[in-house]
All heavy atoms as atom14 arrays in JSON, in Angstrom:
{
  "sequence": "SVIGPSGSGKSTLLRAINRLIPISGGTVWLDGQTVSN",
  "atom14_mask": [
    [1, 1, 1, 1, 1, 1, 0, 0, 0, 0, 0, 0, 0, 0],
    [1, 1, 1, 1, 1, 1, 1, 0, 0, 0, 0, 0, 0, 0],
    [1, 1, 1, 1, 1, 1, 1, 1, 0, 0, 0, 0, 0, 0],
    [1, 1, 1, 1, 0, 0, 0, 0, 0, 0, 0, 0, 0, 0],
    [1, 1, 1, 1, 1, 1, 1, 0, 0, 0, 0, 0, 0, 0],
    [1, 1, 1, 1, 1, 1, 0, 0, 0, 0, 0, 0, 0, 0],
    [1, 1, 1, 1, 0, 0, 0, 0, 0, 0, 0, 0, 0, 0],
    [1, 1, 1, 1, 1, 1, 0, 0, 0, 0, 0, 0, 0, 0],
    [1, 1, 1, 1, 0, 0, 0, 0, 0, 0, 0, 0, 0, 0],
    [1, 1, 1, 1, 1, 1, 1, 1, 1, 0, 0, 0, 0, 0],
    [1, 1, 1, 1, 1, 1, 0, 0, 0, 0, 0, 0, 0, 0],
    [1, 1, 1, 1, 1, 1, 1, 0, 0, 0, 0, 0, 0, 0],
    [1, 1, 1, 1, 1, 1, 1, 1, 0, 0, 0, 0, 0, 0],
    [1, 1, 1, 1, 1, 1, 1, 1, 0, 0, 0, 0, 0, 0],
    [1, 1, 1, 1, 1, 1, 1, 1, 1, 1, 1, 0, 0, 0],
    [1, 1, 1, 1, 1, 0, 0, 0, 0, 0, 0, 0, 0, 0],
    [1, 1, 1, 1, 1, 1, 1, 1, 0, 0, 0, 0, 0, 0],
    [1, 1, 1, 1, 1, 1, 1, 1, 0, 0, 0, 0, 0, 0],
    [1, 1, 1, 1, 1, 1, 1, 1, 1, 1, 1, 0, 0, 0],
    [1, 1, 1, 1, 1, 1, 1, 1, 0, 0, 0, 0, 0, 0],
    [1, 1, 1, 1, 1, 1, 1, 1, 0, 0, 0, 0, 0, 0],
    [1, 1, 1, 1, 1, 1, 1, 0, 0, 0, 0, 0, 0, 0],
    [1, 1, 1, 1, 1, 1, 1, 1, 0, 0, 0, 0, 0, 0],
    [1, 1, 1, 1, 1, 1, 0, 0, 0, 0, 0, 0, 0, 0],
    [1, 1, 1, 1, 0, 0, 0, 0, 0, 0, 0, 0, 0, 0],
    [1, 1, 1, 1, 0, 0, 0, 0, 0, 0, 0, 0, 0, 0],
    [1, 1, 1, 1, 1, 1, 1, 0, 0, 0, 0, 0, 0, 0],
    [1, 1, 1, 1, 1, 1, 1, 0, 0, 0, 0, 0, 0, 0],
    [1, 1, 1, 1, 1, 1, 1, 1, 1, 1, 1, 1, 1, 1],
    [1, 1, 1, 1, 1, 1, 1, 1, 0, 0, 0, 0, 0, 0],
    [1, 1, 1, 1, 1, 1, 1, 1, 0, 0, 0, 0, 0, 0],
    [1, 1, 1, 1, 0, 0, 0, 0, 0, 0, 0, 0, 0, 0],
    [1, 1, 1, 1, 1, 1, 1, 1, 1, 0, 0, 0, 0, 0],
    [1, 1, 1, 1, 1, 1, 1, 0, 0, 0, 0, 0, 0, 0],
    [1, 1, 1, 1, 1, 1, 1, 0, 0, 0, 0, 0, 0, 0],
    [1, 1, 1, 1, 1, 1, 0, 0, 0, 0, 0, 0, 0, 0],
    [1, 1, 1, 1, 1, 1, 1, 1, 0, 0, 0, 0, 0, 0]
  ],
  "atom14_positions": [
    [[11.2, -0.37, 20.06], [10.1, -0.82, 19.23], [8.8, -0.62, 20.0], [8.71, -0.97, 21.18], [10.25, -2.3, 18.87], [11.31, -2.48, 17.95], [0.0, 0.0, 0.0], [0.0, 0.0, 0.0], [0.0, 0.0, 0.0], [0.0, 0.0, 0.0], [0.0, 0.0, 0.0], [0.0, 0.0, 0.0], [0.0, 0.0, 0.0], [0.0, 0.0, 0.0]],
    [[7.8, -0.06, 19.32], [6.46, 0.09, 19.9], [5.58, -0.96, 19.24], [5.45, -1.0, 18.02], [5.89, 1.5, 19.65], [4.52, 1.64, 20.31], [6.84, 2.57, 20.19], [0.0, 0.0, 0.0], [0.0, 0.0, 0.0], [0.0, 0.0, 0.0], [0.0, 0.0, 0.0], [0.0, 0.0, 0.0], [0.0, 0.0, 0.0], [0.0, 0.0, 0.0]],
    [[5.01, -1.83, 20.05], [4.19, -2.93, 19.53], [2.77, -2.84, 20.09], [2.53, -2.16, 21.08], [4.81, -4.31, 19.87], [4.87, -4.52, 21.39], [6.2, -4.44, 19.24], [5.22, -5.94, 21.81], [0.0, 0.0, 0.0], [0.0, 0.0, 0.0], [0.0, 0.0, 0.0], [0.0, 0.0, 0.0], [0.0, 0.0, 0.0], [0.0, 0.0, 0.0]],
    [[1.87, -3.55, 19.43], [0.48, -3.59, 19.87], [-0.42, -3.88, 18.69], [-0.03, -3.74, 17.54], [0.0, 0.0, 0.0], [0.0, 0.0, 0.0], [0.0, 0.0, 0.0], [0.0, 0.0, 0.0], [0.0, 0.0, 0.0], [0.0, 0.0, 0.0], [0.0, 0.0, 0.0], [0.0, 0.0, 0.0], [0.0, 0.0, 0.0], [0.0, 0.0, 0.0]],
    [[-1.65, -4.31, 18.95], [-2.58, -4.65, 17.87], [-3.04, -3.41, 17.11], [-2.79, -2.27, 17.53], [-3.75, -5.31, 18.6], [-3.71, -4.72, 19.98], [-2.26, -4.48, 20.28], [0.0, 0.0, 0.0], [0.0, 0.0, 0.0], [0.0, 0.0, 0.0], [0.0, 0.0, 0.0], [0.0, 0.0, 0.0], [0.0, 0.0, 0.0], [0.0, 0.0, 0.0]],
    [[-3.72, -3.62, 16.0], [-4.3, -2.51, 15.25], [-5.22, -1.7, 16.14], [-6.01, -2.25, 16.91], [-5.1, -3.05, 14.06], [-4.25, -3.67, 13.13], [0.0, 0.0, 0.0], [0.0, 0.0, 0.0], [0.0, 0.0, 0.0], [0.0, 0.0, 0.0], [0.0, 0.0, 0.0], [0.0, 0.0, 0.0], [0.0, 0.0, 0.0], [0.0, 0.0, 0.0]],
    [[-5.07, -0.36, 16.07], [-5.92, 0.5, 16.88], [-5.44, 0.72, 18.29], [-6.13, 1.34, 19.09], [0.0, 0.0, 0.0], [0.0, 0.0, 0.0], [0.0, 0.0, 0.0], [0.0, 0.0, 0.0], [0.0, 0.0, 0.0], [0.0, 0.0, 0.0], [0.0, 0.0, 0.0], [0.0, 0.0, 0.0], [0.0, 0.0, 0.0], [0.0, 0.0, 0.0]],
    [[-4.23, 0.24, 18.62], [-3.74, 0.38, 20.0], [-3.16, 1.76, 20.27], [-2.93, 2.12, 21.43], [-2.67, -0.69, 20.3], [-1.58, -0.56, 19.39], [0.0, 0.0, 0.0], [0.0, 0.0, 0.0], [0.0, 0.0, 0.0], [0.0, 0.0, 0.0], [0.0, 0.0, 0.0], [0.0, 0.0, 0.0], [0.0, 0.0, 0.0], [0.0, 0.0, 0.0]],
    [[-2.91, 2.54, 19.22], [-2.39, 3.9, 19.41], [-0.96, 4.12, 18.96], [-0.39, 5.18, 19.2], [0.0, 0.0, 0.0], [0.0, 0.0, 0.0], [0.0, 0.0, 0.0], [0.0, 0.0, 0.0], [0.0, 0.0, 0.0], [0.0, 0.0, 0.0], [0.0, 0.0, 0.0], [0.0, 0.0, 0.0], [0.0, 0.0, 0.0], [0.0, 0.0, 0.0]],
    [[-0.37, 3.12, 18.28], [1.05, 3.21, 17.91], [1.35, 4.41, 17.0], [2.27, 5.18, 17.25], [1.51, 1.92, 17.21], [1.38, 0.68, 18.07], [2.11, -0.52, 17.48], [1.64, -0.91, 16.09], [0.22, -1.36, 16.07], [0.0, 0.0, 0.0], [0.0, 0.0, 0.0], [0.0, 0.0, 0.0], [0.0, 0.0, 0.0], [0.0, 0.0, 0.0]],
    [[0.57, 4.55, 15.93], [0.81, 5.65, 14.99], [0.5, 7.0, 15.61], [1.2, 7.99, 15.37], [-0.02, 5.47, 13.71], [0.5, 4.42, 12.93], [0.0, 0.0, 0.0], [0.0, 0.0, 0.0], [0.0, 0.0, 0.0], [0.0, 0.0, 0.0], [0.0, 0.0, 0.0], [0.0, 0.0, 0.0], [0.0, 0.0, 0.0], [0.0, 0.0, 0.0]],
    [[-0.51, 7.05, 16.45], [-0.85, 8.29, 17.15], [0.3, 8.71, 18.06], [0.68, 9.89, 18.11], [-2.15, 8.12, 17.96], [-3.21, 7.8, 17.07], [-2.5, 9.39, 18.72], [0.0, 0.0, 0.0], [0.0, 0.0, 0.0], [0.0, 0.0, 0.0], [0.0, 0.0, 0.0], [0.0, 0.0, 0.0], [0.0, 0.0, 0.0], [0.0, 0.0, 0.0]],
    [[0.86, 7.76, 18.78], [2.0, 8.02, 19.67], [3.15, 8.64, 18.88], [3.72, 9.67, 19.27], [2.46, 6.72, 20.33], [3.68, 6.84, 21.26], [3.26, 7.39, 22.61], [4.36, 5.49, 21.44], [0.0, 0.0, 0.0], [0.0, 0.0, 0.0], [0.0, 0.0, 0.0], [0.0, 0.0, 0.0], [0.0, 0.0, 0.0], [0.0, 0.0, 0.0]],
    [[3.48, 8.04, 17.74], [4.6, 8.52, 16.93], [4.34, 9.93, 16.41], [5.22, 10.8, 16.46], [4.83, 7.56, 15.75], [6.28, 7.17, 15.48], [6.85, 6.42, 16.67], [6.39, 6.29, 14.24], [0.0, 0.0, 0.0], [0.0, 0.0, 0.0], [0.0, 0.0, 0.0], [0.0, 0.0, 0.0], [0.0, 0.0, 0.0], [0.0, 0.0, 0.0]],
    [[3.12, 10.16, 15.92], [2.81, 11.44, 15.29], [2.64, 12.58, 16.31], [2.74, 13.75, 15.95], [1.55, 11.31, 14.43], [1.84, 10.61, 13.12], [0.58, 10.1, 12.45], [0.8, 9.77, 11.06], [1.44, 8.69, 10.62], [1.93, 7.82, 11.51], [1.6, 8.46, 9.33], [0.0, 0.0, 0.0], [0.0, 0.0, 0.0], [0.0, 0.0, 0.0]],
    [[2.43, 12.22, 17.56], [2.35, 13.24, 18.6], [3.73, 13.81, 18.94], [3.84, 14.93, 19.45], [1.71, 12.66, 19.86], [0.0, 0.0, 0.0], [0.0, 0.0, 0.0], [0.0, 0.0, 0.0], [0.0, 0.0, 0.0], [0.0, 0.0, 0.0], [0.0, 0.0, 0.0], [0.0, 0.0, 0.0], [0.0, 0.0, 0.0], [0.0, 0.0, 0.0]],
    [[4.77, 13.05, 18.63], [6.12, 13.45, 19.03], [6.56, 14.72, 18.31], [7.13, 15.62, 18.93], [7.13, 12.3, 18.78], [6.84, 11.14, 19.75], [8.58, 12.78, 18.93], [7.58, 9.85, 19.43], [0.0, 0.0, 0.0], [0.0, 0.0, 0.0], [0.0, 0.0, 0.0], [0.0, 0.0, 0.0], [0.0, 0.0, 0.0], [0.0, 0.0, 0.0]],
    [[6.31, 14.82, 17.01], [6.69, 16.04, 16.29], [5.48, 16.86, 15.84], [5.53, 17.62, 14.9], [7.61, 15.73, 15.11], [6.97, 14.82, 14.1], [5.89, 14.29, 14.32], [7.63, 14.64, 12.97], [0.0, 0.0, 0.0], [0.0, 0.0, 0.0], [0.0, 0.0, 0.0], [0.0, 0.0, 0.0], [0.0, 0.0, 0.0], [0.0, 0.0, 0.0]],
    [[4.38, 16.63, 16.56], [3.14, 17.4, 16.4], [2.56, 17.32, 14.99], [2.0, 18.28, 14.48], [3.4, 18.87, 16.79], [2.15, 19.53, 17.38], [2.47, 20.8, 18.14], [1.24, 21.44, 18.57], [0.58, 22.32, 17.83], [1.03, 22.66, 16.65], [-0.53, 22.86, 18.28], [0.0, 0.0, 0.0], [0.0, 0.0, 0.0], [0.0, 0.0, 0.0]],
    [[2.67, 16.16, 14.38], [1.93, 15.92, 13.14], [0.44, 15.84, 13.45], [-0.4, 16.05, 12.58], [2.41, 14.64, 12.46], [3.78, 14.71, 11.78], [4.13, 13.39, 11.14], [3.83, 15.82, 10.74], [0.0, 0.0, 0.0], [0.0, 0.0, 0.0], [0.0, 0.0, 0.0], [0.0, 0.0, 0.0], [0.0, 0.0, 0.0], [0.0, 0.0, 0.0]],
    [[0.13, 15.49, 14.7], [-1.25, 15.61, 15.19], [-1.2, 16.37, 16.52], [-0.25, 16.22, 17.28], [-1.93, 14.23, 15.4], [-1.11, 13.38, 16.38], [-2.17, 13.52, 14.1], [-1.89, 12.27, 17.0], [0.0, 0.0, 0.0], [0.0, 0.0, 0.0], [0.0, 0.0, 0.0], [0.0, 0.0, 0.0], [0.0, 0.0, 0.0], [0.0, 0.0, 0.0]],
    [[-2.22, 17.2, 16.8], [-2.26, 17.86, 18.1], [-2.76, 16.89, 19.16], [-3.61, 16.05, 18.88], [-3.28, 18.99, 17.88], [-4.17, 18.49, 16.79], [-3.32, 17.59, 15.92], [0.0, 0.0, 0.0], [0.0, 0.0, 0.0], [0.0, 0.0, 0.0], [0.0, 0.0, 0.0], [0.0, 0.0, 0.0], [0.0, 0.0, 0.0], [0.0, 0.0, 0.0]],
    [[-2.21, 16.99, 20.37], [-2.68, 16.12, 21.45], [-3.83, 16.79, 22.18], [-4.02, 18.0, 22.09], [-1.54, 15.75, 22.42], [-0.89, 17.0, 23.03], [-0.51, 14.87, 21.71], [0.15, 16.71, 24.08], [0.0, 0.0, 0.0], [0.0, 0.0, 0.0], [0.0, 0.0, 0.0], [0.0, 0.0, 0.0], [0.0, 0.0, 0.0], [0.0, 0.0, 0.0]],
    [[-4.6, 16.0, 22.9], [-5.78, 16.51, 23.62], [-5.45, 16.92, 25.05], [-6.15, 17.74, 25.65], [-6.88, 15.45, 23.64], [-7.15, 14.99, 22.34], [0.0, 0.0, 0.0], [0.0, 0.0, 0.0], [0.0, 0.0, 0.0], [0.0, 0.0, 0.0], [0.0, 0.0, 0.0], [0.0, 0.0, 0.0], [0.0, 0.0, 0.0], [0.0, 0.0, 0.0]],
    [[-4.4, 16.34, 25.62], [-4.03, 16.66, 26.99], [-2.62, 16.19, 27.29], [-2.08, 15.33, 26.59], [0.0, 0.0, 0.0], [0.0, 0.0, 0.0], [0.0, 0.0, 0.0], [0.0, 0.0, 0.0], [0.0, 0.0, 0.0], [0.0, 0.0, 0.0], [0.0, 0.0, 0.0], [0.0, 0.0, 0.0], [0.0, 0.0, 0.0], [0.0, 0.0, 0.0]],
    [[-2.02, 16.77, 28.32], [-0.66, 16.4, 28.71], [0.38, 17.22, 27.97], [0.06, 18.2, 27.3], [0.0, 0.0, 0.0], [0.0, 0.0, 0.0], [0.0, 0.0, 0.0], [0.0, 0.0, 0.0], [0.0, 0.0, 0.0], [0.0, 0.0, 0.0], [0.0, 0.0, 0.0], [0.0, 0.0, 0.0], [0.0, 0.0, 0.0], [0.0, 0.0, 0.0]],
    [[1.65, 16.8, 28.08], [2.77, 17.55, 27.49], [3.77, 16.59, 26.84], [4.08, 15.54, 27.41], [3.51, 18.38, 28.56], [2.55, 19.11, 29.34], [4.47, 19.36, 27.94], [0.0, 0.0, 0.0], [0.0, 0.0, 0.0], [0.0, 0.0, 0.0], [0.0, 0.0, 0.0], [0.0, 0.0, 0.0], [0.0, 0.0, 0.0], [0.0, 0.0, 0.0]],
    [[4.26, 16.97, 25.67], [5.35, 16.26, 25.01], [6.58, 17.15, 25.05], [6.54, 18.31, 24.62], [5.01, 15.91, 23.54], [6.18, 15.21, 22.87], [3.76, 15.04, 23.46], [0.0, 0.0, 0.0], [0.0, 0.0, 0.0], [0.0, 0.0, 0.0], [0.0, 0.0, 0.0], [0.0, 0.0, 0.0], [0.0, 0.0, 0.0], [0.0, 0.0, 0.0]],
    [[7.67, 16.62, 25.57], [8.95, 17.34, 25.61], [9.93, 16.68, 24.66], [10.09, 15.46, 24.66], [9.55, 17.29, 27.03], [8.71, 17.91, 28.08], [7.62, 17.36, 28.7], [8.87, 19.21, 28.66], [7.09, 18.23, 29.62], [7.83, 19.37, 29.63], [9.79, 20.24, 28.47], [7.71, 20.54, 30.39], [9.66, 21.39, 29.23], [8.63, 21.53, 30.17]],
    [[10.6, 17.48, 23.83], [11.63, 16.98, 22.92], [12.9, 17.79, 23.12], [12.88, 19.02, 22.97], [11.15, 17.09, 21.46], [12.16, 16.72, 20.38], [12.54, 15.23, 20.46], [11.62, 17.04, 19.0], [0.0, 0.0, 0.0], [0.0, 0.0, 0.0], [0.0, 0.0, 0.0], [0.0, 0.0, 0.0], [0.0, 0.0, 0.0], [0.0, 0.0, 0.0]],
    [[13.97, 17.12, 23.47], [15.26, 17.78, 23.67], [15.14, 18.96, 24.64], [15.7, 20.03, 24.42], [15.8, 18.24, 22.31], [17.32, 18.49, 22.35], [18.0, 17.92, 23.22], [17.8, 19.27, 21.5], [0.0, 0.0, 0.0], [0.0, 0.0, 0.0], [0.0, 0.0, 0.0], [0.0, 0.0, 0.0], [0.0, 0.0, 0.0], [0.0, 0.0, 0.0]],
    [[14.36, 18.75, 25.72], [14.25, 19.76, 26.77], [13.24, 20.87, 26.53], [13.08, 21.75, 27.37], [0.0, 0.0, 0.0], [0.0, 0.0, 0.0], [0.0, 0.0, 0.0], [0.0, 0.0, 0.0], [0.0, 0.0, 0.0], [0.0, 0.0, 0.0], [0.0, 0.0, 0.0], [0.0, 0.0, 0.0], [0.0, 0.0, 0.0], [0.0, 0.0, 0.0]],
    [[12.55, 20.84, 25.37], [11.56, 21.87, 25.07], [10.2, 21.23, 24.81], [10.13, 20.14, 24.26], [11.98, 22.68, 23.84], [13.26, 23.47, 24.03], [13.61, 24.28, 22.8], [12.74, 24.71, 22.05], [14.89, 24.48, 22.57], [0.0, 0.0, 0.0], [0.0, 0.0, 0.0], [0.0, 0.0, 0.0], [0.0, 0.0, 0.0], [0.0, 0.0, 0.0]],
    [[9.13, 21.95, 25.16], [7.81, 21.42, 24.88], [7.52, 21.5, 23.39], [7.87, 22.46, 22.73], [6.71, 22.2, 25.64], [6.77, 23.57, 25.25], [6.87, 22.06, 27.13], [0.0, 0.0, 0.0], [0.0, 0.0, 0.0], [0.0, 0.0, 0.0], [0.0, 0.0, 0.0], [0.0, 0.0, 0.0], [0.0, 0.0, 0.0], [0.0, 0.0, 0.0]],
    [[6.89, 20.45, 22.87], [6.48, 20.42, 21.46], [5.0, 20.73, 21.35], [4.54, 21.36, 20.39], [6.74, 19.02, 20.84], [6.3, 18.99, 19.38], [8.19, 18.62, 20.97], [0.0, 0.0, 0.0], [0.0, 0.0, 0.0], [0.0, 0.0, 0.0], [0.0, 0.0, 0.0], [0.0, 0.0, 0.0], [0.0, 0.0, 0.0], [0.0, 0.0, 0.0]],
    [[4.25, 20.32, 22.36], [2.79, 20.32, 22.27], [2.18, 21.7, 22.08], [1.07, 21.82, 21.59], [2.18, 19.61, 23.49], [3.02, 19.69, 24.61], [0.0, 0.0, 0.0], [0.0, 0.0, 0.0], [0.0, 0.0, 0.0], [0.0, 0.0, 0.0], [0.0, 0.0, 0.0], [0.0, 0.0, 0.0], [0.0, 0.0, 0.0], [0.0, 0.0, 0.0]],
    [[2.91, 22.77, 22.45], [2.34, 24.12, 22.28], [3.15, 24.99, 21.32], [2.99, 26.2, 21.3], [2.21, 24.82, 23.64], [3.56, 24.92, 24.35], [4.57, 24.48, 23.82], [3.56, 25.5, 25.54], [0.0, 0.0, 0.0], [0.0, 0.0, 0.0], [0.0, 0.0, 0.0], [0.0, 0.0, 0.0], [0.0, 0.0, 0.0], [0.0, 0.0, 0.0]]
  ]
}
C-alpha cells in the first residue's frame, strides 16, 4: 500500500511504472527491462 496526503505523489508514482506519464529523471525497471525509455 502506498499512503500519503493529497499531492504527495502517489498517483504519479503509480503512473510512472507503466509509463502512463513520462518521468523527468532516473530509471524505472519492470521485470528486468527499463520502462522509462
